[in-house]
Amino acid sequence: QVQLVESGGGLVQPGGSLRLSCAASGSIFSIRAVNWYRQTPGKQREWVATFTSLATTKYADSVQGRFTISRDVGKNTVYLQMSSLEPEDMAVYYCNADIRESSNPFRTVSYWGQGTQVTVSS
């Protein structure tokens, strides 16, 4: 079984920075794309950023230039560096990864983490 665990959320003032981590563990053969999403109460989950299987990055317009997604292959961890945070960035942030497990390396399964709260407030 595979687990994704997010960490790094917390309270930050407007204009501040936070770095979120998403660590994958378990019987992993390979990790394909990894995505960050966020959700606020009463709203649909919103895509934020992707680190693709080709090691390219994509960002939502709302975070372009302020957020950076990166990956440490050796640690099976993806990071989301968030800068110039705004109150509108306040949400629960979720990590999502397409993973091939050692038990069946030909099948890709999508996993979600439990989420980490980011609060932007003065």
PDB file of N, CA and C in Angstrom:
ATOM      1  N   GLN A   1       0.850  -1.187   0.000  1.00  0.00           N
ATOM      2  CA  GLN A   1       0.000   0.000   0.000  1.00  0.00           C
ATOM      3  C   GLN A   1       0.894   1.248   0.000  1.00  0.00           C
ATOM      4  N   VAL A   2       0.372   2.272  -0.605  1.00  0.00           N
ATOM      5  CA  VAL A   2       1.114   3.531  -0.717  1.00  0.00           C
ATOM      6  C   VAL A   2       0.420   4.599   0.112  1.00  0.00           C
ATOM      7  N   GLN A   3       1.204   5.444   0.724  1.00  0.00           N
ATOM      8  CA  GLN A   3       0.654   6.580   1.475  1.00  0.00           C
ATOM      9  C   GLN A   3       1.298   7.874   1.013  1.00  0.00           C
ATOM     10  N   LEU A   4       0.477   8.921   1.002  1.00  0.00           N
ATOM     11  CA  LEU A   4       0.977  10.270   0.766  1.00  0.00           C
ATOM     12  C   LEU A   4       0.716  11.073   2.027  1.00  0.00           C
ATOM     13  N   VAL A   5       1.730  11.750   2.507  1.00  0.00           N
ATOM     14  CA  VAL A   5       1.578  12.538   3.720  1.00  0.00           C
ATOM     15  C   VAL A   5       2.060  13.955   3.457  1.00  0.00           C
ATOM     16  N   GLU A   6       1.144  14.911   3.612  1.00  0.00           N
ATOM     17  CA  GLU A   6       1.509  16.311   3.460  1.00  0.00           C
ATOM     18  C   GLU A   6       1.938  16.897   4.794  1.00  0.00           C
ATOM     19  N   SER A   7       2.769  17.890   4.741  1.00  0.00           N
ATOM     20  CA  SER A   7       3.184  18.620   5.941  1.00  0.00           C
ATOM     21  C   SER A   7       3.625  20.017   5.532  1.00  0.00           C
ATOM     22  N   GLY A   8       3.794  20.873   6.530  1.00  0.00           N
ATOM     23  CA  GLY A   8       4.307  22.212   6.271  1.00  0.00           C
ATOM     24  C   GLY A   8       3.274  23.314   6.316  1.00  0.00           C
ATOM     25  N   GLY A   9       2.013  22.952   6.458  1.00  0.00           N
ATOM     26  CA  GLY A   9       0.993  23.984   6.554  1.00  0.00           C
ATOM     27  C   GLY A   9       1.095  24.748   7.867  1.00  0.00           C
ATOM     28  N   GLY A  10       0.355  25.843   7.939  1.00  0.00           N
ATOM     29  CA  GLY A  10       0.373  26.624   9.156  1.00  0.00           C
ATOM     30  C   GLY A  10      -0.182  28.007   8.927  1.00  0.00           C
ATOM     31  N   LEU A  11       0.080  28.868   9.883  1.00  0.00           N
ATOM     32  CA  LEU A  11      -0.384  30.256   9.845  1.00  0.00           C
ATOM     33  C   LEU A  11       0.747  31.153   9.360  1.00  0.00           C
ATOM     34  N   VAL A  12       0.439  32.006   8.402  1.00  0.00           N
ATOM     35  CA  VAL A  12       1.428  32.920   7.866  1.00  0.00           C
ATOM     36  C   VAL A  12       0.757  34.252   7.579  1.00  0.00           C
ATOM     37  N   GLN A  13       1.498  35.328   7.703  1.00  0.00           N
ATOM     38  CA  GLN A  13       0.959  36.645   7.401  1.00  0.00           C
ATOM     39  C   GLN A  13       0.924  36.880   5.901  1.00  0.00           C
ATOM     40  N   PRO A  14       0.033  37.748   5.435  1.00  0.00           N
ATOM     41  CA  PRO A  14       0.038  38.097   4.000  1.00  0.00           C
ATOM     42  C   PRO A  14       1.421  38.572   3.579  1.00  0.00           C
ATOM     43  N   GLY A  15       1.845  38.085   2.417  1.00  0.00           N
ATOM     44  CA  GLY A  15       3.175  38.385   1.924  1.00  0.00           C
ATOM     45  C   GLY A  15       4.229  37.401   2.357  1.00  0.00           C
ATOM     46  N   GLY A  16       3.884  36.520   3.258  1.00  0.00           N
ATOM     47  CA  GLY A  16       4.835  35.543   3.777  1.00  0.00           C
ATOM     48  C   GLY A  16       4.979  34.328   2.887  1.00  0.00           C
ATOM     49  N   SER A  17       5.760  33.372   3.381  1.00  0.00           N
ATOM     50  CA  SER A  17       6.064  32.164   2.609  1.00  0.00           C
ATOM     51  C   SER A  17       5.879  30.917   3.455  1.00  0.00           C
ATOM     52  N   LEU A  18       5.575  29.836   2.786  1.00  0.00           N
ATOM     53  CA  LEU A  18       5.504  28.514   3.395  1.00  0.00           C
ATOM     54  C   LEU A  18       5.987  27.499   2.372  1.00  0.00           C
ATOM     55  N   ARG A  19       6.538  26.397   2.876  1.00  0.00           N
ATOM     56  CA  ARG A  19       6.873  25.295   1.988  1.00  0.00           C
ATOM     57  C   ARG A  19       6.131  24.048   2.438  1.00  0.00           C
ATOM     58  N   LEU A  20       5.309  23.536   1.541  1.00  0.00           N
ATOM     59  CA  LEU A  20       4.585  22.295   1.799  1.00  0.00           C
ATOM     60  C   LEU A  20       5.390  21.116   1.255  1.00  0.00           C
ATOM     61  N   SER A  21       5.262  19.999   1.950  1.00  0.00           N
ATOM     62  CA  SER A  21       5.917  18.766   1.509  1.00  0.00           C
ATOM     63  C   SER A  21       4.870  17.677   1.322  1.00  0.00           C
ATOM     64  N   CYS A  22       5.120  16.820   0.366  1.00  0.00           N
ATOM     65  CA  CYS A  22       4.281  15.644   0.122  1.00  0.00           C
ATOM     66  C   CYS A  22       5.215  14.454   0.000  1.00  0.00           C
ATOM     67  N   ALA A  23       5.200  13.601   1.005  1.00  0.00           N
ATOM     68  CA  ALA A  23       6.090  12.451   1.034  1.00  0.00           C
ATOM     69  C   ALA A  23       5.320  11.178   0.726  1.00  0.00           C
ATOM     70  N   ALA A  24       5.806  10.427  -0.243  1.00  0.00           N
ATOM     71  CA  ALA A  24       5.195   9.157  -0.609  1.00  0.00           C
ATOM     72  C   ALA A  24       5.987   8.007   0.012  1.00  0.00           C
ATOM     73  N   SER A  25       5.266   7.022   0.532  1.00  0.00           N
ATOM     74  CA  SER A  25       5.929   5.869   1.121  1.00  0.00           C
ATOM     75  C   SER A  25       5.161   4.602   0.767  1.00  0.00           C
ATOM     76  N   GLY A  26       5.837   3.464   0.900  1.00  0.00           N
ATOM     77  CA  GLY A  26       5.209   2.184   0.585  1.00  0.00           C
ATOM     78  C   GLY A  26       5.949   1.487  -0.541  1.00  0.00           C
ATOM     79  N   SER A  27       5.270   0.544  -1.133  1.00  0.00           N
ATOM     80  CA  SER A  27       5.876  -0.268  -2.196  1.00  0.00           C
ATOM     81  C   SER A  27       5.734   0.441  -3.536  1.00  0.00           C
ATOM     82  N   ILE A  28       6.625   1.393  -3.762  1.00  0.00           N
ATOM     83  CA  ILE A  28       6.536   2.245  -4.940  1.00  0.00           C
ATOM     84  C   ILE A  28       7.500   1.776  -6.010  1.00  0.00           C
ATOM     85  N   PHE A  29       6.972   1.542  -7.206  1.00  0.00           N
ATOM     86  CA  PHE A  29       7.827   1.237  -8.347  1.00  0.00           C
ATOM     87  C   PHE A  29       8.261   2.533  -9.021  1.00  0.00           C
ATOM     88  N   SER A  30       7.298   3.405  -9.258  1.00  0.00           N
ATOM     89  CA  SER A  30       7.631   4.711  -9.831  1.00  0.00           C
ATOM     90  C   SER A  30       6.506   5.703  -9.538  1.00  0.00           C
ATOM     91  N   ILE A  31       6.881   6.962  -9.491  1.00  0.00           N
ATOM     92  CA  ILE A  31       5.913   8.040  -9.321  1.00  0.00           C
ATOM     93  C   ILE A  31       5.834   8.819 -10.623  1.00  0.00           C
ATOM     94  N   ARG A  32       4.650   8.951 -11.125  1.00  0.00           N
ATOM     95  CA  ARG A  32       4.452   9.679 -12.374  1.00  0.00           C
ATOM     96  C   ARG A  32       4.207  11.150 -12.052  1.00  0.00           C
ATOM     97  N   ALA A  33       3.115  11.704 -12.469  1.00  0.00           N
ATOM     98  CA  ALA A  33       2.831  13.108 -12.172  1.00  0.00           C
ATOM     99  C   ALA A  33       2.411  13.276 -10.718  1.00  0.00           C
ATOM    100  N   VAL A  34       2.778  14.426 -10.160  1.00  0.00           N
ATOM    101  CA  VAL A  34       2.342  14.794  -8.810  1.00  0.00           C
ATOM    102  C   VAL A  34       1.698  16.164  -8.892  1.00  0.00           C
ATOM    103  N   ASN A  35       0.549  16.277  -8.263  1.00  0.00           N
ATOM    104  CA  ASN A  35      -0.227  17.512  -8.320  1.00  0.00           C
ATOM    105  C   ASN A  35      -0.497  18.044  -6.916  1.00  0.00           C
ATOM    106  N   TRP A  36      -0.632  19.339  -6.841  1.00  0.00           N
ATOM    107  CA  TRP A  36      -1.147  19.986  -5.635  1.00  0.00           C
ATOM    108  C   TRP A  36      -2.508  20.596  -5.984  1.00  0.00           C
ATOM    109  N   TYR A  37      -3.451  20.389  -5.077  1.00  0.00           N
ATOM    110  CA  TYR A  37      -4.778  20.985  -5.177  1.00  0.00           C
ATOM    111  C   TYR A  37      -5.034  21.727  -3.870  1.00  0.00           C
ATOM    112  N   ARG A  38      -6.057  22.566  -3.881  1.00  0.00           N
ATOM    113  CA  ARG A  38      -6.478  23.227  -2.648  1.00  0.00           C
ATOM    114  C   ARG A  38      -7.989  23.363  -2.647  1.00  0.00           C
ATOM    115  N   GLN A  39      -8.508  23.460  -1.431  1.00  0.00           N
ATOM    116  CA  GLN A  39      -9.959  23.547  -1.295  1.00  0.00           C
ATOM    117  C   GLN A  39     -10.316  24.402  -0.099  1.00  0.00           C
ATOM    118  N   THR A  40     -11.308  25.263  -0.300  1.00  0.00           N
ATOM    119  CA  THR A  40     -11.870  26.063   0.778  1.00  0.00           C
ATOM    120  C   THR A  40     -13.309  25.612   1.000  1.00  0.00           C
ATOM    121  N   PRO A  41     -13.845  25.829   2.192  1.00  0.00           N
ATOM    122  CA  PRO A  41     -15.204  25.369   2.490  1.00  0.00           C
ATOM    123  C   PRO A  41     -16.213  25.892   1.485  1.00  0.00           C
ATOM    124  N   GLY A  42     -17.049  24.993   0.995  1.00  0.00           N
ATOM    125  CA  GLY A  42     -18.107  25.372   0.078  1.00  0.00           C
ATOM    126  C   GLY A  42     -17.680  25.513  -1.363  1.00  0.00           C
ATOM    127  N   LYS A  43     -16.409  25.280  -1.644  1.00  0.00           N
ATOM    128  CA  LYS A  43     -15.926  25.403  -3.021  1.00  0.00           C
ATOM    129  C   LYS A  43     -15.350  24.083  -3.509  1.00  0.00           C
ATOM    130  N   GLN A  44     -15.297  23.951  -4.818  1.00  0.00           N
ATOM    131  CA  GLN A  44     -14.701  22.753  -5.408  1.00  0.00           C
ATOM    132  C   GLN A  44     -13.190  22.769  -5.219  1.00  0.00           C
ATOM    133  N   ARG A  45     -12.625  21.587  -5.209  1.00  0.00           N
ATOM    134  CA  ARG A  45     -11.175  21.477  -5.118  1.00  0.00           C
ATOM    135  C   ARG A  45     -10.566  22.096  -6.371  1.00  0.00           C
ATOM    136  N   GLU A  46      -9.534  22.894  -6.170  1.00  0.00           N
ATOM    137  CA  GLU A  46      -8.919  23.670  -7.253  1.00  0.00           C
ATOM    138  C   GLU A  46      -7.505  23.169  -7.512  1.00  0.00           C
ATOM    139  N   TRP A  47      -7.185  22.931  -8.762  1.00  0.00           N
ATOM    140  CA  TRP A  47      -5.832  22.530  -9.126  1.00  0.00           C
ATOM    141  C   TRP A  47      -4.882  23.711  -8.962  1.00  0.00           C
ATOM    142  N   VAL A  48      -3.698  23.430  -8.414  1.00  0.00           N
ATOM    143  CA  VAL A  48      -2.724  24.476  -8.149  1.00  0.00           C
ATOM    144  C   VAL A  48      -1.466  24.323  -9.005  1.00  0.00           C
ATOM    145  N   ALA A  49      -0.893  23.131  -9.002  1.00  0.00           N
ATOM    146  CA  ALA A  49       0.378  22.940  -9.709  1.00  0.00           C
ATOM    147  C   ALA A  49       0.608  21.462  -9.980  1.00  0.00           C
ATOM    148  N   THR A  50       1.437  21.184 -10.979  1.00  0.00           N
ATOM    149  CA  THR A  50       1.794  19.821 -11.353  1.00  0.00           C
ATOM    150  C   THR A  50       3.287  19.711 -11.626  1.00  0.00           C
ATOM    151  N   PHE A  51       3.863  18.633 -11.144  1.00  0.00           N
ATOM    152  CA  PHE A  51       5.215  18.227 -11.539  1.00  0.00           C
ATOM    153  C   PHE A  51       5.018  16.980 -12.387  1.00  0.00           C
ATOM    154  N   THR A  52       5.277  17.103 -13.677  1.00  0.00           N
ATOM    155  CA  THR A  52       4.938  16.012 -14.594  1.00  0.00           C
ATOM    156  C   THR A  52       5.986  14.896 -14.563  1.00  0.00           C
ATOM    157  N   SER A  53       5.637  13.786 -15.214  1.00  0.00           N
ATOM    158  CA  SER A  53       6.567  12.661 -15.307  1.00  0.00           C
ATOM    159  C   SER A  53       7.783  12.998 -16.154  1.00  0.00           C
ATOM    160  N   LEU A  54       7.694  14.072 -16.925  1.00  0.00           N
ATOM    161  CA  LEU A  54       8.825  14.519 -17.747  1.00  0.00           C
ATOM    162  C   LEU A  54       9.624  15.604 -17.039  1.00  0.00           C
ATOM    163  N   ALA A  55       9.315  15.790 -15.769  1.00  0.00           N
ATOM    164  CA  ALA A  55      10.025  16.785 -14.943  1.00  0.00           C
ATOM    165  C   ALA A  55       9.770  18.220 -15.396  1.00  0.00           C
ATOM    166  N   THR A  56       8.621  18.439 -15.994  1.00  0.00           N
ATOM    167  CA  THR A  56       8.209  19.804 -16.291  1.00  0.00           C
ATOM    168  C   THR A  56       7.195  20.235 -15.252  1.00  0.00           C
ATOM    169  N   THR A  57       6.947  21.536 -15.180  1.00  0.00           N
ATOM    170  CA  THR A  57       6.037  22.062 -14.174  1.00  0.00           C
ATOM    171  C   THR A  57       4.934  22.884 -14.828  1.00  0.00           C
ATOM    172  N   LYS A  58       3.784  22.866 -14.190  1.00  0.00           N
ATOM    173  CA  LYS A  58       2.637  23.640 -14.662  1.00  0.00           C
ATOM    174  C   LYS A  58       1.995  24.296 -13.456  1.00  0.00           C
ATOM    175  N   TYR A  59       1.426  25.479 -13.663  1.00  0.00           N
ATOM    176  CA  TYR A  59       0.827  26.219 -12.563  1.00  0.00           C
ATOM    177  C   TYR A  59      -0.508  26.828 -12.976  1.00  0.00           C
ATOM    178  N   ALA A  60      -1.391  26.933 -12.015  1.00  0.00           N
ATOM    179  CA  ALA A  60      -2.610  27.691 -12.217  1.00  0.00           C
ATOM    180  C   ALA A  60      -2.240  29.163 -12.347  1.00  0.00           C
ATOM    181  N   ASP A  61      -3.035  29.887 -13.113  1.00  0.00           N
ATOM    182  CA  ASP A  61      -2.747  31.311 -13.323  1.00  0.00           C
ATOM    183  C   ASP A  61      -2.684  32.073 -11.998  1.00  0.00           C
ATOM    184  N   SER A  62      -3.504  31.651 -11.055  1.00  0.00           N
ATOM    185  CA  SER A  62      -3.598  32.377  -9.788  1.00  0.00           C
ATOM    186  C   SER A  62      -2.333  32.272  -8.934  1.00  0.00           C
ATOM    187  N   VAL A  63      -1.473  31.290  -9.221  1.00  0.00           N
ATOM    188  CA  VAL A  63      -0.266  31.116  -8.405  1.00  0.00           C
ATOM    189  C   VAL A  63       1.008  31.256  -9.224  1.00  0.00           C
ATOM    190  N   GLN A  64       0.855  31.387 -10.537  1.00  0.00           N
ATOM    191  CA  GLN A  64       2.027  31.511 -11.410  1.00  0.00           C
ATOM    192  C   GLN A  64       2.925  32.652 -10.947  1.00  0.00           C
ATOM    193  N   GLY A  65       4.211  32.364 -10.818  1.00  0.00           N
ATOM    194  CA  GLY A  65       5.161  33.385 -10.389  1.00  0.00           C
ATOM    195  C   GLY A  65       5.312  33.508  -8.886  1.00  0.00           C
ATOM    196  N   ARG A  66       4.413  32.901  -8.136  1.00  0.00           N
ATOM    197  CA  ARG A  66       4.487  32.975  -6.669  1.00  0.00           C
ATOM    198  C   ARG A  66       4.779  31.606  -6.049  1.00  0.00           C
ATOM    199  N   PHE A  67       4.320  30.546  -6.682  1.00  0.00           N
ATOM    200  CA  PHE A  67       4.500  29.193  -6.182  1.00  0.00           C
ATOM    201  C   PHE A  67       5.486  28.445  -7.071  1.00  0.00           C
ATOM    202  N   THR A  68       6.245  27.556  -6.452  1.00  0.00           N
ATOM    203  CA  THR A  68       7.183  26.714  -7.189  1.00  0.00           C
ATOM    204  C   THR A  68       7.051  25.275  -6.712  1.00  0.00           C
ATOM    205  N   ILE A  69       6.827  24.370  -7.658  1.00  0.00           N
ATOM    206  CA  ILE A  69       6.744  22.945  -7.333  1.00  0.00           C
ATOM    207  C   ILE A  69       8.060  22.289  -7.713  1.00  0.00           C
ATOM    208  N   SER A  70       8.544  21.418  -6.850  1.00  0.00           N
ATOM    209  CA  SER A  70       9.805  20.728  -7.120  1.00  0.00           C
ATOM    210  C   SER A  70       9.728  19.318  -6.555  1.00  0.00           C
ATOM    211  N   ARG A  71      10.725  18.506  -6.926  1.00  0.00           N
ATOM    212  CA  ARG A  71      10.671  17.100  -6.522  1.00  0.00           C
ATOM    213  C   ARG A  71      12.061  16.613  -6.146  1.00  0.00           C
ATOM    214  N   ASP A  72      12.116  15.861  -5.072  1.00  0.00           N
ATOM    215  CA  ASP A  72      13.331  15.153  -4.654  1.00  0.00           C
ATOM    216  C   ASP A  72      13.079  13.676  -4.913  1.00  0.00           C
ATOM    217  N   VAL A  73      13.637  13.180  -6.015  1.00  0.00           N
ATOM    218  CA  VAL A  73      13.368  11.804  -6.424  1.00  0.00           C
ATOM    219  C   VAL A  73      13.843  10.812  -5.368  1.00  0.00           C
ATOM    220  N   GLY A  74      14.988  11.050  -4.796  1.00  0.00           N
ATOM    221  CA  GLY A  74      15.560  10.122  -3.829  1.00  0.00           C
ATOM    222  C   GLY A  74      14.717   9.977  -2.573  1.00  0.00           C
ATOM    223  N   LYS A  75      14.009  11.041  -2.227  1.00  0.00           N
ATOM    224  CA  LYS A  75      13.178  11.035  -1.029  1.00  0.00           C
ATOM    225  C   LYS A  75      11.711  10.784  -1.343  1.00  0.00           C
ATOM    226  N   ASN A  76      11.372  10.574  -2.598  1.00  0.00           N
ATOM    227  CA  ASN A  76       9.962  10.411  -3.004  1.00  0.00           C
ATOM    228  C   ASN A  76       9.104  11.535  -2.439  1.00  0.00           C
ATOM    229  N   THR A  77       9.616  12.733  -2.517  1.00  0.00           N
ATOM    230  CA  THR A  77       8.941  13.883  -1.933  1.00  0.00           C
ATOM    231  C   THR A  77       8.814  15.008  -2.959  1.00  0.00           C
ATOM    232  N   VAL A  78       7.658  15.634  -2.943  1.00  0.00           N
ATOM    233  CA  VAL A  78       7.404  16.800  -3.782  1.00  0.00           C
ATOM    234  C   VAL A  78       7.128  17.983  -2.861  1.00  0.00           C
ATOM    235  N   TYR A  79       7.635  19.124  -3.247  1.00  0.00           N
ATOM    236  CA  TYR A  79       7.495  20.326  -2.439  1.00  0.00           C
ATOM    237  C   TYR A  79       6.681  21.381  -3.187  1.00  0.00           C
ATOM    238  N   LEU A  80       6.004  22.207  -2.442  1.00  0.00           N
ATOM    239  CA  LEU A  80       5.341  23.378  -3.003  1.00  0.00           C
ATOM    240  C   LEU A  80       5.817  24.588  -2.197  1.00  0.00           C
ATOM    241  N   GLN A  81       6.712  25.350  -2.798  1.00  0.00           N
ATOM    242  CA  GLN A  81       7.189  26.573  -2.172  1.00  0.00           C
ATOM    243  C   GLN A  81       6.221  27.695  -2.515  1.00  0.00           C
ATOM    244  N   MET A  82       5.638  28.282  -1.485  1.00  0.00           N
ATOM    245  CA  MET A  82       4.632  29.315  -1.696  1.00  0.00           C
ATOM    246  C   MET A  82       5.169  30.635  -1.155  1.00  0.00           C
ATOM    247  N   SER A  83       5.180  31.639  -2.009  1.00  0.00           N
ATOM    248  CA  SER A  83       5.678  32.955  -1.621  1.00  0.00           C
ATOM    249  C   SER A  83       4.612  34.008  -1.903  1.00  0.00           C
ATOM    250  N   SER A  84       4.815  35.177  -1.330  1.00  0.00           N
ATOM    251  CA  SER A  84       3.866  36.287  -1.525  1.00  0.00           C
ATOM    252  C   SER A  84       2.435  35.818  -1.297  1.00  0.00           C
ATOM    253  N   LEU A  85       2.237  35.110  -0.208  1.00  0.00           N
ATOM    254  CA  LEU A  85       0.925  34.536   0.064  1.00  0.00           C
ATOM    255  C   LEU A  85      -0.121  35.614   0.295  1.00  0.00           C
ATOM    256  N   GLU A  86      -1.297  35.325  -0.183  1.00  0.00           N
ATOM    257  CA  GLU A  86      -2.430  36.240  -0.096  1.00  0.00           C
ATOM    258  C   GLU A  86      -3.546  35.554   0.688  1.00  0.00           C
ATOM    259  N   PRO A  87      -4.458  36.330   1.250  1.00  0.00           N
ATOM    260  CA  PRO A  87      -5.584  35.697   1.952  1.00  0.00           C
ATOM    261  C   PRO A  87      -6.351  34.722   1.062  1.00  0.00           C
ATOM    262  N   GLU A  88      -6.357  34.994  -0.243  1.00  0.00           N
ATOM    263  CA  GLU A  88      -7.074  34.100  -1.170  1.00  0.00           C
ATOM    264  C   GLU A  88      -6.397  32.734  -1.309  1.00  0.00           C
ATOM    265  N   ASP A  89      -5.168  32.616  -0.844  1.00  0.00           N
ATOM    266  CA  ASP A  89      -4.460  31.337  -0.895  1.00  0.00           C
ATOM    267  C   ASP A  89      -4.811  30.435   0.277  1.00  0.00           C
ATOM    268  N   MET A  90      -5.547  30.964   1.243  1.00  0.00           N
ATOM    269  CA  MET A  90      -5.896  30.186   2.417  1.00  0.00           C
ATOM    270  C   MET A  90      -6.824  29.047   2.027  1.00  0.00           C
ATOM    271  N   ALA A  91      -6.429  27.824   2.383  1.00  0.00           N
ATOM    272  CA  ALA A  91      -7.177  26.640   1.984  1.00  0.00           C
ATOM    273  C   ALA A  91      -6.525  25.419   2.621  1.00  0.00           C
ATOM    274  N   VAL A  92      -7.188  24.282   2.461  1.00  0.00           N
ATOM    275  CA  VAL A  92      -6.543  23.005   2.748  1.00  0.00           C
ATOM    276  C   VAL A  92      -5.870  22.556   1.453  1.00  0.00           C
ATOM    277  N   TYR A  93      -4.594  22.264   1.534  1.00  0.00           N
ATOM    278  CA  TYR A  93      -3.819  21.864   0.365  1.00  0.00           C
ATOM    279  C   TYR A  93      -3.648  20.352   0.361  1.00  0.00           C
ATOM    280  N   TYR A  94      -3.936  19.763  -0.795  1.00  0.00           N
ATOM    281  CA  TYR A  94      -3.872  18.314  -0.949  1.00  0.00           C
ATOM    282  C   TYR A  94      -2.829  17.938  -2.007  1.00  0.00           C
ATOM    283  N   CYS A  95      -2.142  16.868  -1.727  1.00  0.00           N
ATOM    284  CA  CYS A  95      -1.206  16.291  -2.681  1.00  0.00           C
ATOM    285  C   CYS A  95      -1.884  15.104  -3.373  1.00  0.00           C
ATOM    286  N   ASN A  96      -1.649  14.991  -4.667  1.00  0.00           N
ATOM    287  CA  ASN A  96      -2.205  13.890  -5.459  1.00  0.00           C
ATOM    288  C   ASN A  96      -1.101  13.340  -6.356  1.00  0.00           C
ATOM    289  N   ALA A  97      -0.924  12.041  -6.363  1.00  0.00           N
ATOM    290  CA  ALA A  97       0.158  11.475  -7.159  1.00  0.00           C
ATOM    291  C   ALA A  97      -0.313  10.245  -7.919  1.00  0.00           C
ATOM    292  N   ASP A  98       0.162  10.123  -9.139  1.00  0.00           N
ATOM    293  CA  ASP A  98      -0.086   8.927  -9.952  1.00  0.00           C
ATOM    294  C   ASP A  98       1.109   8.007  -9.768  1.00  0.00           C
ATOM    295  N   ILE A  99       0.849   6.853  -9.166  1.00  0.00           N
ATOM    296  CA  ILE A  99       1.928   5.975  -8.717  1.00  0.00           C
ATOM    297  C   ILE A  99       1.765   4.582  -9.280  1.00  0.00           C
ATOM    298  N   ARG A 100       2.885   3.998  -9.653  1.00  0.00           N
ATOM    299  CA  ARG A 100       2.912   2.582 -10.032  1.00  0.00           C
ATOM    300  C   ARG A 100       3.550   1.811  -8.886  1.00  0.00           C
ATOM    301  N   GLU A 101       2.814   0.844  -8.378  1.00  0.00           N
ATOM    302  CA  GLU A 101       3.283   0.084  -7.235  1.00  0.00           C
ATOM    303  C   GLU A 101       4.170  -1.081  -7.677  1.00  0.00           C
ATOM    304  N   SER A 102       5.015  -1.507  -6.772  1.00  0.00           N
ATOM    305  CA  SER A 102       5.914  -2.630  -7.074  1.00  0.00           C
ATOM    306  C   SER A 102       5.142  -3.900  -7.396  1.00  0.00           C
ATOM    307  N   SER A 103       3.975  -4.058  -6.780  1.00  0.00           N
ATOM    308  CA  SER A 103       3.196  -5.281  -6.995  1.00  0.00           C
ATOM    309  C   SER A 103       2.612  -5.353  -8.398  1.00  0.00           C
ATOM    310  N   ASN A 104       2.460  -4.199  -9.061  1.00  0.00           N
ATOM    311  CA  ASN A 104       1.913  -4.175 -10.427  1.00  0.00           C
ATOM    312  C   ASN A 104       2.416  -2.917 -11.127  1.00  0.00           C
ATOM    313  N   PRO A 105       3.624  -2.959 -11.625  1.00  0.00           N
ATOM    314  CA  PRO A 105       4.242  -1.758 -12.209  1.00  0.00           C
ATOM    315  C   PRO A 105       3.641  -1.308 -13.530  1.00  0.00           C
ATOM    316  N   PHE A 106       2.650  -2.040 -14.037  1.00  0.00           N
ATOM    317  CA  PHE A 106       2.017  -1.663 -15.300  1.00  0.00           C
ATOM    318  C   PHE A 106       0.719  -0.903 -15.082  1.00  0.00           C
ATOM    319  N   ARG A 107       0.325  -0.758 -13.832  1.00  0.00           N
ATOM    320  CA  ARG A 107      -0.921  -0.071 -13.528  1.00  0.00           C
ATOM    321  C   ARG A 107      -0.638   1.194 -12.723  1.00  0.00           C
ATOM    322  N   THR A 108      -1.238   2.289 -13.151  1.00  0.00           N
ATOM    323  CA  THR A 108      -1.070   3.565 -12.455  1.00  0.00           C
ATOM    324  C   THR A 108      -2.280   3.820 -11.568  1.00  0.00           C
ATOM    325  N   VAL A 109      -2.028   4.118 -10.322  1.00  0.00           N
ATOM    326  CA  VAL A 109      -3.090   4.383  -9.346  1.00  0.00           C
ATOM    327  C   VAL A 109      -2.930   5.801  -8.822  1.00  0.00           C
ATOM    328  N   SER A 110      -4.041   6.493  -8.684  1.00  0.00           N
ATOM    329  CA  SER A 110      -4.020   7.856  -8.168  1.00  0.00           C
ATOM    330  C   SER A 110      -4.248   7.855  -6.660  1.00  0.00           C
ATOM    331  N   TYR A 111      -3.337   8.465  -5.930  1.00  0.00           N
ATOM    332  CA  TYR A 111      -3.431   8.534  -4.480  1.00  0.00           C
ATOM    333  C   TYR A 111      -3.570   9.993  -4.036  1.00  0.00           C
ATOM    334  N   TRP A 112      -4.232  10.174  -2.884  1.00  0.00           N
ATOM    335  CA  TRP A 112      -4.411  11.489  -2.281  1.00  0.00           C
ATOM    336  C   TRP A 112      -3.865  11.475  -0.864  1.00  0.00           C
ATOM    337  N   GLY A 113      -3.317  12.604  -0.473  1.00  0.00           N
ATOM    338  CA  GLY A 113      -2.948  12.781   0.920  1.00  0.00           C
ATOM    339  C   GLY A 113      -4.142  13.284   1.724  1.00  0.00           C
ATOM    340  N   GLN A 114      -3.909  13.500   3.017  1.00  0.00           N
ATOM    341  CA  GLN A 114      -4.992  13.877   3.912  1.00  0.00           C
ATOM    342  C   GLN A 114      -5.214  15.380   3.961  1.00  0.00           C
ATOM    343  N   GLY A 115      -4.279  16.139   3.415  1.00  0.00           N
ATOM    344  CA  GLY A 115      -4.426  17.587   3.372  1.00  0.00           C
ATOM    345  C   GLY A 115      -3.685  18.278   4.500  1.00  0.00           C
ATOM    346  N   THR A 116      -3.286  19.511   4.235  1.00  0.00           N
ATOM    347  CA  THR A 116      -2.639  20.337   5.258  1.00  0.00           C
ATOM    348  C   THR A 116      -3.192  21.759   5.140  1.00  0.00           C
ATOM    349  N   GLN A 117      -3.533  22.328   6.274  1.00  0.00           N
ATOM    350  CA  GLN A 117      -4.186  23.636   6.305  1.00  0.00           C
ATOM    351  C   GLN A 117      -3.174  24.767   6.165  1.00  0.00           C
ATOM    352  N   VAL A 118      -3.480  25.688   5.269  1.00  0.00           N
ATOM    353  CA  VAL A 118      -2.691  26.908   5.135  1.00  0.00           C
ATOM    354  C   VAL A 118      -3.608  28.083   5.473  1.00  0.00           C
ATOM    355  N   THR A 119      -3.211  28.854   6.466  1.00  0.00           N
ATOM    356  CA  THR A 119      -3.989  30.005   6.888  1.00  0.00           C
ATOM    357  C   THR A 119      -3.163  31.269   6.661  1.00  0.00           C
ATOM    358  N   VAL A 120      -3.726  32.199   5.916  1.00  0.00           N
ATOM    359  CA  VAL A 120      -3.033  33.459   5.629  1.00  0.00           C
ATOM    360  C   VAL A 120      -3.825  34.580   6.291  1.00  0.00           C
ATOM    361  N   SER A 121      -3.250  35.126   7.321  1.00  0.00           N
ATOM    362  CA  SER A 121      -3.972  36.131   8.085  1.00  0.00           C
ATOM    363  C   SER A 121      -2.992  36.977   8.882  1.00  0.00           C
ATOM    364  N   SER A 122      -3.346  38.244   9.047  1.00  0.00           N
ATOM    365  CA  SER A 122      -2.517  39.128   9.883  1.00  0.00           C
ATOM    366  C   SER A 122      -3.041  39.137  11.323  1.00  0.00           C
TER     367      SER A 122
END
